[in-house]
Amino acid sequence: MAVEVKIPAVGESISSGVVSVWHKKSGDFVNTGDALFTLETDKVSTEIAAETSGVLDTLVPEGQEVKIGEVVATIDDSKKVPAAKKSVGDAVDTSPARTVPGKPTASPTKEKSTDGETLSPSVRRIVDEEQLDPAKISGTGPGGRITKADALAAANKKSVGDAGSVSSEVKQTAPPAEDRQSSDGRVVRKKMSPLRRKIAAQLVMAQQTAAILTTFNECDMSAVQKLRADSQNAFTKKHGVKLGFMSFFIKASVEALKAVPVVNGRIEGDDFIENNFYDIGVAVGTERGLVVPIVRDADKKSFADLEREIGDFAVRAREGKLKFEDLTGGTFTVSNGGVYGSLVSTPILNFPQSGILGMHKIMPRPVAIDGKVEIRPMMYLALSYDHRLIDGKEAVTFLIKVKECIEDPKKLPLDF
């Protein structure tokens, strides 16, 4: 029986996503729990696993946007894994021993029959409508069979000979809207990913909804740098993770939020929501865009716990393995543009939060110390905040508290 593979609900308010990559191909035998494909949404990327064992038949190509509940593949659970492959649970065996008597062994590089026995009705329809030559399409099904996904991929190829799937003799359809090149090659139009569209919408919403104002200060990083250098070897040996700067700023932010609680709140309608917990968002840049995973109860975590969690978030963000719950519910955000060389910036609120702290590049600068000019490692700090809720005095007080904690780390709850 063919079991439908549907796009599952992956989080509140998410209605669609993109099948970014198939981990299994049509004709592959899959086991229960095997990752079938990666679903990229406007919040996270999620691997969708097989709920039953059998032979997979994909129905949509990579890169196609799909709706929640849409059928993207089927799994024929009446077919069992070939005996030769049972030991490793691999895909269908295509060795000569499985060749049907009286029929030549199919190969993706060989010309295939165009009769109804070779092409399924759905493939035949695509081939006819798109005027494709089946003999020039590489099949990924058992024995080189052309699947619906193969036919769709061939129809969507933007240039002749791409990936060796379609020859120069095949008539090509117009390239998909997400990747159109002008006739002179000077402009390429690409469809924005769901994540990038979500980021754009959130930033515009924040700008149009909140009265965003940014206040600046600077801090001397000498004390933190010395403490970090003196403690690094022992810290790494004890905890198995390096001591970075972000954990200091998260701890300093928590102390500042305790001193100025309004920055940890938000506006909801005509009400002010005061949060008495400290779930701090840490902005992480990836190739797909900026994501902000949340460090829960940051006030209760040690420096080692924070460094482990930040490192884990960074790895999973870049691999597209963050979960929906990792990104929701923060009360305040810390963003470090300094890792990219930014000297100063005005960060935009992570709406509906009311405050975001921007860290920047550490630069040696001349500063006045006890009436003398000294070169110190300085960092500009920027606090963007919702002026509807937070006054300038409160914003300045917040920044001064962060500055004090960084310049005198003994004011932080050091536990290493």
Protein backbone atom coordinates (compact mmCIF):
# COMPACT_ATOMS: atom_id res chain seq x y z
CA MET A 1 0.00 0.00 0.00
CA ALA A 2 1.25 3.49 -0.82
CA VAL A 3 1.55 5.57 2.37
CA GLU A 4 1.42 9.33 1.79
CA VAL A 5 4.23 11.53 3.11
CA LYS A 6 2.69 14.87 4.09
CA ILE A 7 4.23 18.13 5.23
CA PRO A 8 3.69 18.13 9.01
CA ALA A 9 2.80 21.11 11.19
CA VAL A 10 6.16 22.35 12.47
CA GLY A 11 5.12 25.32 14.56
CA GLU A 12 2.49 27.92 15.26
CA SER A 13 1.87 30.41 12.43
CA ILE A 14 3.93 28.39 9.91
CA SER A 15 1.79 27.60 6.86
CA SER A 16 4.37 26.66 4.23
CA GLY A 17 7.98 25.77 3.60
CA VAL A 18 10.43 24.72 0.93
CA VAL A 19 11.69 21.19 0.27
CA SER A 20 15.32 22.29 0.27
CA VAL A 21 16.95 18.88 -0.23
CA TRP A 22 15.91 15.25 -0.60
CA HIS A 23 18.10 12.94 1.48
CA LYS A 24 16.54 9.91 -0.23
CA LYS A 25 15.68 9.53 -3.91
CA SER A 26 12.77 7.92 -5.70
CA GLY A 27 13.26 4.18 -5.76
CA ASP A 28 15.32 4.11 -2.57
CA PHE A 29 14.24 1.71 0.13
CA VAL A 30 13.79 3.68 3.36
CA ASN A 31 13.46 2.49 6.92
CA THR A 32 11.22 3.97 9.59
CA GLY A 33 13.00 6.98 11.06
CA ASP A 34 15.21 7.66 8.04
CA ALA A 35 15.51 11.36 7.15
CA LEU A 36 13.63 11.83 3.87
CA PHE A 37 14.07 15.54 3.21
CA THR A 38 14.78 18.89 4.84
CA LEU A 39 11.88 21.34 5.13
CA GLU A 40 13.00 24.96 5.24
CA THR A 41 10.47 27.34 6.79
CA ASP A 42 10.55 31.00 7.69
CA LYS A 43 11.83 30.07 11.15
CA VAL A 44 13.78 26.81 11.07
CA SER A 45 14.92 23.94 8.90
CA THR A 46 13.56 20.55 9.94
CA GLU A 47 14.42 17.05 8.79
CA ILE A 48 11.27 15.05 8.05
CA ALA A 49 11.61 11.36 8.79
CA ALA A 50 9.89 8.32 7.29
CA GLU A 51 7.01 6.97 9.38
CA THR A 52 7.11 3.56 7.71
CA SER A 53 9.50 1.37 5.73
CA GLY A 54 9.22 0.80 2.00
CA VAL A 55 10.14 2.15 -1.40
CA LEU A 56 10.03 5.94 -1.75
CA ASP A 57 8.46 7.81 -4.66
CA THR A 58 9.03 11.58 -4.52
CA LEU A 59 6.35 13.88 -5.98
CA VAL A 60 7.94 17.33 -5.75
CA PRO A 61 11.43 18.51 -6.74
CA GLU A 62 13.98 20.19 -4.52
CA GLY A 63 13.38 23.92 -4.13
CA GLN A 64 9.59 23.75 -4.44
CA GLU A 65 7.44 25.58 -1.91
CA VAL A 66 4.82 23.37 -0.28
CA LYS A 67 1.92 23.89 2.11
CA ILE A 68 1.39 22.24 5.48
CA GLY A 69 -0.50 19.00 4.86
CA GLU A 70 0.57 18.72 1.22
CA VAL A 71 1.58 15.26 -0.03
CA VAL A 72 5.19 15.36 -1.26
CA ALA A 73 5.95 11.64 -1.59
CA THR A 74 4.60 8.14 -1.10
CA ILE A 75 6.16 5.08 0.48
CA ASP A 76 5.12 1.64 -0.81
CA ASP A 77 5.21 -0.39 2.40
CA SER A 78 4.29 -3.60 0.54
CA LYS A 79 7.83 -3.77 -0.82
CA LYS A 80 10.57 -5.15 1.37
CA VAL A 81 14.26 -4.40 1.40
CA PRO A 82 16.14 -6.68 -1.03
CA ALA A 83 17.87 -9.63 0.61
CA ALA A 84 21.27 -8.47 -0.60
CA LYS A 85 20.79 -5.16 1.23
CA LYS A 86 19.12 -6.27 4.45
CA SER A 87 22.37 -6.24 6.36
CA VAL A 88 22.94 -2.55 5.75
CA GLY A 89 19.37 -1.32 5.19
CA ASP A 90 20.46 0.36 1.99
CA ALA A 91 18.58 1.33 -1.14
CA VAL A 92 17.25 -1.05 -3.78
CA ASP A 93 19.93 -3.35 -5.23
CA THR A 94 20.49 -2.54 -8.90
CA SER A 95 23.06 -5.26 -9.55
CA PRO A 96 22.77 -7.46 -12.69
CA ALA A 97 21.38 -10.29 -10.53
CA ARG A 98 18.11 -8.29 -10.24
CA THR A 99 17.73 -7.80 -13.99
CA VAL A 100 14.39 -8.98 -15.30
CA PRO A 101 14.91 -11.85 -17.81
CA GLY A 102 14.45 -10.78 -21.43
CA LYS A 103 14.90 -7.09 -20.69
CA PRO A 104 18.15 -5.10 -20.84
CA THR A 105 19.49 -3.56 -17.67
CA ALA A 106 18.41 0.08 -17.51
CA SER A 107 21.00 2.76 -16.98
CA PRO A 108 20.54 6.51 -16.47
CA THR A 109 22.87 7.15 -19.37
CA LYS A 110 21.07 4.83 -21.76
CA GLU A 111 18.01 5.67 -23.80
CA LYS A 112 14.82 4.46 -22.21
CA SER A 113 11.61 3.27 -23.78
CA THR A 114 8.83 5.82 -24.02
CA ASP A 115 5.97 3.35 -23.81
CA GLY A 116 3.48 3.20 -20.99
CA GLU A 117 5.31 0.31 -19.34
CA THR A 118 8.30 2.55 -18.59
CA LEU A 119 6.62 5.89 -17.86
CA SER A 120 3.95 6.24 -15.22
CA PRO A 121 0.86 8.31 -16.12
CA SER A 122 2.07 11.27 -14.08
CA VAL A 123 5.50 11.21 -15.74
CA ARG A 124 3.93 10.75 -19.19
CA ARG A 125 1.76 13.84 -18.61
CA ILE A 126 4.77 16.01 -17.68
CA VAL A 127 6.80 14.70 -20.60
CA ASP A 128 3.99 15.42 -23.05
CA GLU A 129 3.13 18.85 -21.65
CA GLU A 130 6.74 20.02 -21.47
CA GLN A 131 7.77 18.35 -24.72
CA LEU A 132 10.63 16.48 -23.07
CA ASP A 133 12.55 13.57 -24.58
CA PRO A 134 12.44 10.70 -22.04
CA ALA A 135 15.52 9.14 -23.61
CA LYS A 136 17.55 12.16 -22.50
CA ILE A 137 16.35 12.28 -18.86
CA SER A 138 18.39 10.59 -16.14
CA GLY A 139 16.14 8.33 -14.10
CA THR A 140 16.75 7.86 -10.38
CA GLY A 141 14.18 5.11 -9.82
CA PRO A 142 14.89 1.38 -9.67
CA GLY A 143 16.75 0.26 -12.77
CA GLY A 144 16.95 3.84 -14.03
CA ARG A 145 13.19 4.37 -14.06
CA ILE A 146 12.12 7.98 -14.60
CA THR A 147 10.18 9.29 -11.60
CA LYS A 148 7.87 12.26 -11.41
CA ALA A 149 10.59 14.21 -9.60
CA ASP A 150 13.04 13.45 -12.41
CA ALA A 151 10.59 14.76 -15.00
CA LEU A 152 9.84 17.89 -12.99
CA ALA A 153 13.54 18.54 -12.46
CA ALA A 154 14.18 18.19 -16.17
CA ALA A 155 11.36 20.60 -16.97
CA ASN A 156 12.70 23.15 -14.50
CA LYS A 157 16.31 23.12 -15.63
CA LYS A 158 17.31 26.71 -16.43
CA SER A 159 20.02 25.80 -18.88
CA VAL A 160 20.64 23.02 -21.34
CA GLY A 161 22.83 20.21 -20.05
CA ASP A 162 22.52 21.20 -16.34
CA ALA A 163 23.65 18.31 -14.11
CA GLY A 164 23.68 16.04 -17.20
CA SER A 165 19.95 15.45 -16.84
CA VAL A 166 18.82 17.00 -20.13
CA SER A 167 20.75 17.22 -23.41
CA SER A 168 21.03 20.26 -25.65
CA GLU A 169 18.33 18.82 -27.90
CA VAL A 170 15.62 18.98 -25.22
CA LYS A 171 13.22 21.91 -25.43
CA GLN A 172 13.48 23.89 -22.17
CA THR A 173 10.66 25.59 -20.32
CA ALA A 174 11.13 29.04 -18.79
CA PRO A 175 13.32 28.97 -15.67
CA PRO A 176 11.46 29.17 -12.35
CA ALA A 177 10.55 32.58 -10.98
CA GLU A 178 13.05 32.23 -8.16
CA ASP A 179 16.01 32.24 -10.59
CA ARG A 180 15.49 34.31 -13.74
CA GLN A 181 18.35 35.91 -15.62
CA SER A 182 17.97 38.87 -17.92
CA SER A 183 18.83 38.40 -21.58
CA ASP A 184 22.07 40.34 -21.21
CA GLY A 185 23.05 38.44 -18.06
CA ARG A 186 23.39 41.58 -15.95
CA VAL A 187 20.47 40.88 -13.63
CA VAL A 188 19.34 37.69 -11.89
CA ARG A 189 15.96 37.57 -10.17
CA LYS A 190 15.76 35.06 -7.32
CA LYS A 191 12.87 34.27 -5.04
CA MET A 192 13.58 35.07 -1.40
CA SER A 193 13.75 32.10 0.94
CA PRO A 194 11.00 31.75 3.58
CA LEU A 195 13.51 32.67 6.28
CA ARG A 196 14.64 35.82 4.48
CA ARG A 197 11.01 36.83 3.83
CA LYS A 198 10.25 36.35 7.52
CA ILE A 199 13.29 38.40 8.55
CA ALA A 200 12.22 41.19 6.20
CA ALA A 201 8.66 41.18 7.51
CA GLN A 202 9.81 41.20 11.15
CA LEU A 203 12.21 44.09 10.62
CA VAL A 204 9.60 46.17 8.82
CA MET A 205 7.05 45.36 11.52
CA ALA A 206 9.47 46.47 14.23
CA GLN A 207 10.24 49.73 12.43
CA GLN A 208 6.58 50.49 11.78
CA THR A 209 5.29 49.48 15.22
CA ALA A 210 7.86 50.52 17.80
CA ALA A 211 9.39 53.94 18.42
CA ILE A 212 12.97 52.71 18.11
CA LEU A 213 15.74 54.84 19.58
CA THR A 214 19.41 53.88 20.06
CA THR A 215 21.68 55.00 22.88
CA PHE A 216 25.46 54.46 22.84
CA ASN A 217 28.24 53.99 25.32
CA GLU A 218 31.64 52.35 25.33
CA CYS A 219 33.43 49.94 27.62
CA ASP A 220 37.04 49.12 28.36
CA MET A 221 37.60 45.42 27.69
CA SER A 222 40.95 45.25 29.54
CA ALA A 223 39.65 43.54 32.68
CA VAL A 224 37.57 40.94 30.82
CA GLN A 225 40.43 40.19 28.44
CA LYS A 226 42.85 39.67 31.34
CA LEU A 227 40.39 37.52 33.31
CA ARG A 228 39.64 35.46 30.21
CA ALA A 229 43.34 34.97 29.40
CA ASP A 230 44.22 34.03 32.99
CA SER A 231 41.31 31.57 33.29
CA GLN A 232 41.20 30.10 29.79
CA ASN A 233 43.39 27.01 30.29
CA ALA A 234 41.81 25.98 33.59
CA PHE A 235 38.30 26.74 32.30
CA THR A 236 38.78 24.72 29.12
CA LYS A 237 40.34 21.81 30.99
CA LYS A 238 37.54 21.75 33.57
CA HIS A 239 34.54 22.31 31.31
CA GLY A 240 35.70 21.15 27.88
CA VAL A 241 34.70 24.43 26.25
CA LYS A 242 36.46 27.77 25.74
CA LEU A 243 35.53 30.89 27.68
CA GLY A 244 34.32 33.55 25.24
CA PHE A 245 33.11 37.12 25.51
CA MET A 246 29.41 36.45 24.84
CA SER A 247 28.85 34.76 28.21
CA PHE A 248 30.16 37.90 29.98
CA PHE A 249 27.76 40.12 28.04
CA ILE A 250 24.81 37.81 28.67
CA LYS A 251 25.57 37.86 32.39
CA ALA A 252 26.06 41.65 32.30
CA SER A 253 22.76 42.06 30.43
CA VAL A 254 20.94 40.00 33.04
CA GLU A 255 22.34 42.22 35.81
CA ALA A 256 21.28 45.32 33.85
CA LEU A 257 17.79 43.89 33.26
CA LYS A 258 17.44 43.28 36.99
CA ALA A 259 18.47 46.88 37.64
CA VAL A 260 16.13 48.26 34.94
CA PRO A 261 13.23 45.74 34.69
CA VAL A 262 11.25 47.75 32.12
CA VAL A 263 13.81 46.84 29.43
CA ASN A 264 12.91 43.18 29.99
CA GLY A 265 9.22 43.83 29.29
CA ARG A 266 7.07 44.46 26.24
CA ILE A 267 3.92 46.25 25.13
CA GLU A 268 0.87 44.13 24.35
CA GLY A 269 -2.09 46.22 23.24
CA ASP A 270 -2.66 48.75 26.00
CA ASP A 271 -0.85 46.63 28.58
CA PHE A 272 2.75 46.43 29.77
CA ILE A 273 3.97 42.86 30.20
CA GLU A 274 6.67 42.62 32.85
CA ASN A 275 8.84 39.50 32.59
CA ASN A 276 10.40 38.22 35.78
CA PHE A 277 12.57 35.69 33.93
CA TYR A 278 15.53 36.15 31.64
CA ASP A 279 15.36 34.31 28.33
CA ILE A 280 18.10 35.96 26.29
CA GLY A 281 18.20 35.75 22.50
CA VAL A 282 21.63 35.42 20.91
CA ALA A 283 21.73 36.54 17.28
CA VAL A 284 23.56 34.04 15.03
CA GLY A 285 24.41 34.77 11.41
CA THR A 286 24.13 31.91 8.91
CA GLU A 287 24.22 31.54 5.13
CA ARG A 288 20.42 31.42 5.20
CA GLY A 289 20.08 34.59 7.26
CA LEU A 290 20.03 35.79 10.85
CA VAL A 291 18.40 33.59 13.47
CA VAL A 292 18.01 34.28 17.18
CA PRO A 293 17.98 31.13 19.36
CA ILE A 294 17.00 31.66 22.98
CA VAL A 295 19.10 30.91 26.06
CA ARG A 296 16.44 30.00 28.63
CA ASP A 297 16.81 31.23 32.24
CA ALA A 298 20.21 32.74 31.52
CA ASP A 299 20.39 34.06 35.08
CA LYS A 300 20.46 30.49 36.42
CA LYS A 301 23.13 29.17 34.07
CA SER A 302 26.87 29.11 34.73
CA PHE A 303 29.43 30.59 32.37
CA ALA A 304 30.26 27.05 31.18
CA ASP A 305 26.56 26.31 30.57
CA LEU A 306 26.21 29.49 28.55
CA GLU A 307 29.29 28.80 26.42
CA ARG A 308 28.13 25.24 25.68
CA GLU A 309 24.64 26.38 24.75
CA ILE A 310 25.87 29.25 22.57
CA GLY A 311 28.28 26.92 20.77
CA ASP A 312 25.57 24.31 20.24
CA PHE A 313 23.18 26.94 18.87
CA ALA A 314 25.82 28.23 16.46
CA VAL A 315 26.52 24.75 15.07
CA ARG A 316 22.85 23.80 14.73
CA ALA A 317 21.97 27.18 13.20
CA ARG A 318 24.58 26.78 10.47
CA GLU A 319 23.50 23.18 9.84
CA GLY A 320 19.83 24.23 9.72
CA LYS A 321 18.90 21.98 12.65
CA LEU A 322 17.40 24.48 15.09
CA LYS A 323 13.93 23.61 16.33
CA PHE A 324 10.97 25.96 16.35
CA GLU A 325 10.96 26.10 20.15
CA ASP A 326 14.62 27.23 20.13
CA LEU A 327 13.59 30.53 18.54
CA THR A 328 10.48 31.60 20.41
CA GLY A 329 9.76 33.40 23.67
CA GLY A 330 12.84 35.54 24.30
CA THR A 331 12.65 38.65 26.49
CA PHE A 332 15.82 40.47 25.36
CA THR A 333 18.46 40.01 22.64
CA VAL A 334 22.23 40.37 22.41
CA SER A 335 23.79 40.77 18.96
CA ASN A 336 27.53 40.76 18.27
CA GLY A 337 28.26 42.59 15.03
CA GLY A 338 31.88 42.80 16.08
CA VAL A 339 32.59 39.32 14.77
CA TYR A 340 32.08 40.75 11.27
CA GLY A 341 34.19 43.83 11.97
CA SER A 342 31.37 46.27 12.73
CA LEU A 343 32.63 49.25 14.73
CA VAL A 344 29.23 50.75 15.54
CA SER A 345 25.63 50.14 14.48
CA THR A 346 22.00 50.67 15.47
CA PRO A 347 20.42 47.23 15.91
CA ILE A 348 16.72 46.78 15.18
CA LEU A 349 14.43 45.31 17.84
CA ASN A 350 13.57 41.63 17.76
CA PHE A 351 9.85 42.42 17.97
CA PRO A 352 7.90 42.21 20.28
CA GLN A 353 10.89 42.58 22.59
CA SER A 354 11.61 46.10 23.80
CA GLY A 355 15.40 46.06 23.86
CA ILE A 356 18.45 44.72 22.04
CA LEU A 357 22.11 45.17 22.97
CA GLY A 358 24.60 45.54 20.13
CA MET A 359 28.22 44.53 20.72
CA HIS A 360 30.94 45.67 18.34
CA LYS A 361 34.56 45.18 17.36
CA ILE A 362 37.19 45.59 20.07
CA MET A 363 39.52 48.34 18.90
CA PRO A 364 42.64 49.78 20.63
CA ARG A 365 41.90 53.47 21.13
CA PRO A 366 43.46 56.31 23.12
CA VAL A 367 41.40 57.08 26.23
CA ALA A 368 41.93 59.32 29.23
CA ILE A 369 42.82 57.33 32.37
CA ASP A 370 43.48 59.33 35.54
CA GLY A 371 44.45 62.36 33.51
CA LYS A 372 46.76 60.40 31.20
CA VAL A 373 46.22 59.13 27.68
CA GLU A 374 46.45 55.35 27.40
CA ILE A 375 45.73 52.87 24.63
CA ARG A 376 42.96 50.55 25.76
CA PRO A 377 40.90 47.83 24.01
CA MET A 378 37.54 49.58 23.68
CA MET A 379 34.15 48.41 22.46
CA TYR A 380 31.18 50.56 21.52
CA LEU A 381 27.88 49.38 22.97
CA ALA A 382 24.50 50.22 21.46
CA LEU A 383 21.12 49.75 23.10
CA SER A 384 18.14 50.04 20.77
CA TYR A 385 14.87 50.25 22.66
CA ASP A 386 11.18 50.96 22.29
CA HIS A 387 10.83 54.58 23.36
CA ARG A 388 7.08 54.07 23.87
CA LEU A 389 7.98 52.06 26.96
CA ILE A 390 11.54 52.95 27.89
CA ASP A 391 12.77 56.48 28.59
CA GLY A 392 16.25 57.76 27.85
CA LYS A 393 17.21 57.75 31.51
CA GLU A 394 16.37 54.07 31.81
CA ALA A 395 18.26 53.22 28.62
CA VAL A 396 21.37 55.07 29.79
CA THR A 397 21.15 53.42 33.21
CA PHE A 398 20.97 50.02 31.54
CA LEU A 399 24.07 50.68 29.42
CA ILE A 400 26.05 52.04 32.35
CA LYS A 401 25.25 48.87 34.32
CA VAL A 402 26.50 46.70 31.45
CA LYS A 403 29.63 48.87 31.20
CA GLU A 404 30.31 48.57 34.95
CA CYS A 405 29.97 44.78 34.89
CA ILE A 406 32.31 44.41 31.92
CA GLU A 407 34.93 46.82 33.24
CA ASP A 408 34.79 45.20 36.68
CA PRO A 409 33.86 41.52 36.13
CA LYS A 410 33.89 40.89 39.89
CA LYS A 411 30.44 42.45 39.90
CA LEU A 412 29.24 39.43 37.91
CA PRO A 413 28.41 36.05 39.54
CA LEU A 414 31.70 34.44 38.47
CA ASP A 415 31.64 30.65 38.92
CA PHE A 416 34.93 29.50 37.42
